[in-house]
Structure formats: C-alpha cells, structure tokens
Amino acid sequence: MAKNITGDAAREDARDLGRQRDATTVLLTEDDDAFRETERLWLARERHYDTREAADGEEALAALDAAVDVLVLDLHMPKVSGPEVLARLDETTFDGDVVVVSASRLEDHEDGGPLGGGAVAAKLDKPVDCEEFVGTLDRYAR
C-alpha cells in the first residue's frame, strides 16, 4: 500500500526526485578516506550532483558504467593505479569525462605521454580547495 505524503514531506520528496533525475553522477575514486569524504561533502552542497565512491582502482572499474558522467580519479592508489584505470576504461561502458586529482604530475607516469589516450579532461593538483574542485566539475556537469 502506498503511503500518503503531504505538505513539506511531499515537496522534499519531489525535490529529491528532480535532483536525482537531473543530477550529474560522479564517481569519486580516492584511497584517502578523509579526502574522499571531503570531496563528497563539497559536492553534497550542490544540488545537481549524485556521488558514488570507490576506495581504489579495482572498485572504480567495477563501479564504472554508462550512468557515471564524471570520474574523479587519484593516480596513486592500491590494487589498481589511476593510470591503469585510465588504460582500462575501454573495458567499461563509461563514456564520460575524467578529472584527475593528484599530488603528482601526469608527466610522472608511464612514458611521459598523455594518460588514457586523451581521456583526461582536467587535472587538479593536490591540495585542491572546494571552489576549484566544484568549479572544475561544474564545467563537465550534464
């Protein structure tokens, strides 16, 4: 039996439904739990983001699908590294943008060439602040 919701609860449910339908889905891939939580909280303040989380590259590859619009990726992670995730994107149905957030330079990886065959849309250097992080993701929001 459906429950009858009226007043403020109904309006909040409608807002949540609209937010989910129009939201940009972001997969936050970061092995530092505290920093990943910070990224999630920054995006939670914005009404147009739906976040998923992965603590390493292995979890990221398992979670990447066509519903993910933006992959936020650390380069140095256990199990499967950020560069390896980029190299394996074609094994997933992901067709979105990649934003790398890392303390190291992209040039420090692989052969010095671009990572992910040009898949990286933006690179943010740690430490990154809320305004820079959200501003960058806003450029790739669907």
Protein backbone atom coordinates (compact mmCIF):
# COMPACT_ATOMS: atom_id res chain seq x y z
CA MET A 1 0.00 0.00 0.00
CA ALA A 2 1.38 3.42 -0.96
CA LYS A 3 1.86 5.89 1.83
CA ASN A 4 0.18 9.26 1.57
CA ILE A 5 2.69 12.09 1.88
CA THR A 6 1.53 15.68 2.13
CA GLY A 7 2.96 19.09 2.84
CA ASP A 8 6.68 19.59 3.40
CA ALA A 9 7.49 15.87 3.13
CA ALA A 10 5.88 15.66 -0.31
CA ARG A 11 7.73 18.75 -1.52
CA GLU A 12 11.04 17.36 -0.24
CA ASP A 13 10.39 14.00 -1.96
CA ALA A 14 9.61 15.83 -5.21
CA ARG A 15 12.81 17.89 -4.91
CA ASP A 16 14.84 14.72 -4.28
CA LEU A 17 13.28 13.03 -7.32
CA GLY A 18 14.05 16.02 -9.54
CA ARG A 19 17.56 16.28 -8.17
CA GLN A 20 18.23 12.61 -8.91
CA ARG A 21 16.79 12.82 -12.42
CA ASP A 22 18.78 15.93 -13.38
CA ALA A 23 21.91 15.14 -11.38
CA THR A 24 25.37 14.62 -12.77
CA THR A 25 26.66 11.28 -11.48
CA VAL A 26 30.24 11.50 -10.20
CA LEU A 27 32.39 8.53 -9.18
CA LEU A 28 34.90 9.73 -6.56
CA THR A 29 37.92 7.42 -6.67
CA GLU A 30 40.36 8.17 -3.86
CA ASP A 31 42.16 5.86 -1.42
CA ASP A 32 42.39 8.54 1.29
CA ASP A 33 39.06 8.09 3.10
CA ALA A 34 39.13 11.56 4.68
CA PHE A 35 39.84 13.34 1.39
CA ARG A 36 37.22 11.28 -0.46
CA GLU A 37 34.69 12.26 2.22
CA THR A 38 35.72 15.91 1.82
CA GLU A 39 35.13 15.71 -1.94
CA ARG A 40 31.74 14.10 -1.30
CA LEU A 41 30.75 16.82 1.17
CA TRP A 42 31.79 19.56 -1.28
CA LEU A 43 29.52 18.05 -3.92
CA ALA A 44 26.71 17.37 -1.43
CA ARG A 45 26.33 21.14 -1.02
CA GLU A 46 25.48 21.35 -4.70
CA ARG A 47 22.00 20.22 -5.72
CA HIS A 48 23.00 18.77 -9.09
CA TYR A 49 25.45 16.02 -8.12
CA ASP A 50 24.83 12.38 -7.30
CA THR A 51 28.01 10.78 -5.94
CA ARG A 52 29.33 7.25 -5.85
CA GLU A 53 32.59 6.28 -4.16
CA ALA A 54 35.49 3.91 -4.78
CA ALA A 55 38.47 3.45 -2.44
CA ASP A 56 40.80 2.07 -5.13
CA GLY A 57 41.08 1.49 -8.85
CA GLU A 58 39.64 -2.01 -8.64
CA GLU A 59 36.44 -0.67 -7.06
CA ALA A 60 36.34 2.14 -9.63
CA LEU A 61 36.47 -0.25 -12.57
CA ALA A 62 33.69 -2.35 -11.03
CA ALA A 63 31.52 0.74 -10.47
CA LEU A 64 32.09 2.47 -13.82
CA ASP A 65 29.12 2.24 -16.11
CA ALA A 66 27.20 4.38 -18.59
CA ALA A 67 25.36 6.15 -15.74
CA VAL A 68 28.60 7.77 -14.50
CA ASP A 69 29.10 11.19 -16.08
CA VAL A 70 32.39 12.18 -14.43
CA LEU A 71 35.16 10.01 -12.99
CA VAL A 72 37.26 11.81 -10.36
CA LEU A 73 40.47 9.82 -10.16
CA ASP A 74 43.53 9.81 -7.92
CA LEU A 75 46.66 8.48 -9.66
CA HIS A 76 48.32 6.71 -6.71
CA MET A 77 46.04 4.00 -5.33
CA PRO A 78 46.35 0.42 -4.12
CA LYS A 79 45.36 -2.65 -6.15
CA VAL A 80 44.82 -0.86 -9.47
CA SER A 81 46.53 2.51 -10.03
CA GLY A 82 44.93 5.56 -11.63
CA PRO A 83 46.97 5.17 -14.84
CA GLU A 84 45.86 1.54 -15.08
CA VAL A 85 42.21 2.57 -14.60
CA LEU A 86 42.64 5.03 -17.48
CA ALA A 87 44.20 2.33 -19.65
CA ARG A 88 41.26 0.02 -18.94
CA LEU A 89 38.37 2.46 -19.47
CA ASP A 90 37.50 0.76 -22.76
CA GLU A 91 36.63 -2.38 -20.74
CA THR A 92 33.71 -0.46 -19.20
CA THR A 93 30.58 1.22 -20.56
CA PHE A 94 31.78 4.56 -19.12
CA ASP A 95 31.65 7.35 -21.70
CA GLY A 96 32.05 10.42 -19.52
CA ASP A 97 34.79 12.84 -18.56
CA VAL A 98 37.79 12.13 -16.33
CA VAL A 99 39.08 14.65 -13.79
CA VAL A 100 42.39 13.63 -12.22
CA VAL A 101 43.07 14.94 -8.71
CA SER A 102 46.61 14.06 -7.71
CA ALA A 103 49.72 15.22 -5.89
CA SER A 104 51.90 14.04 -8.79
CA ARG A 105 52.16 15.39 -12.30
CA LEU A 106 50.67 13.49 -15.22
CA GLU A 107 54.11 13.57 -16.84
CA ASP A 108 55.49 11.48 -13.95
CA HIS A 109 53.57 8.44 -15.20
CA GLU A 110 54.05 5.93 -17.97
CA ASP A 111 56.25 7.22 -20.80
CA GLY A 112 55.59 10.89 -20.13
CA GLY A 113 52.81 10.97 -22.69
CA PRO A 114 49.17 11.74 -22.06
CA LEU A 115 47.37 9.28 -19.84
CA GLY A 116 44.30 7.44 -21.00
CA GLY A 117 44.72 8.27 -24.67
CA GLY A 118 43.38 11.77 -24.13
CA ALA A 119 40.64 10.64 -21.74
CA VAL A 120 41.68 13.16 -19.06
CA ALA A 121 39.50 16.25 -19.38
CA ALA A 122 41.06 18.13 -16.45
CA LYS A 123 43.86 17.80 -13.90
CA LEU A 124 43.77 19.28 -10.41
CA ASP A 125 46.84 19.34 -8.19
CA LYS A 126 46.55 18.45 -4.51
CA PRO A 127 45.97 20.25 -2.30
CA VAL A 128 42.80 21.41 -4.03
CA ASP A 129 40.15 23.64 -2.49
CA CYS A 130 36.38 23.42 -2.68
CA GLU A 131 35.92 26.28 -5.14
CA GLU A 132 38.45 24.88 -7.62
CA PHE A 133 37.13 21.32 -7.28
CA VAL A 134 33.44 22.15 -7.68
CA GLY A 135 34.17 24.75 -10.36
CA THR A 136 36.03 22.17 -12.43
CA LEU A 137 33.29 19.57 -12.07
CA ASP A 138 30.67 22.19 -12.97
CA ARG A 139 32.34 22.51 -16.39
CA TYR A 140 31.62 18.83 -17.06
CA ALA A 141 28.17 18.60 -15.44
CA ARG A 142 25.48 17.10 -17.67
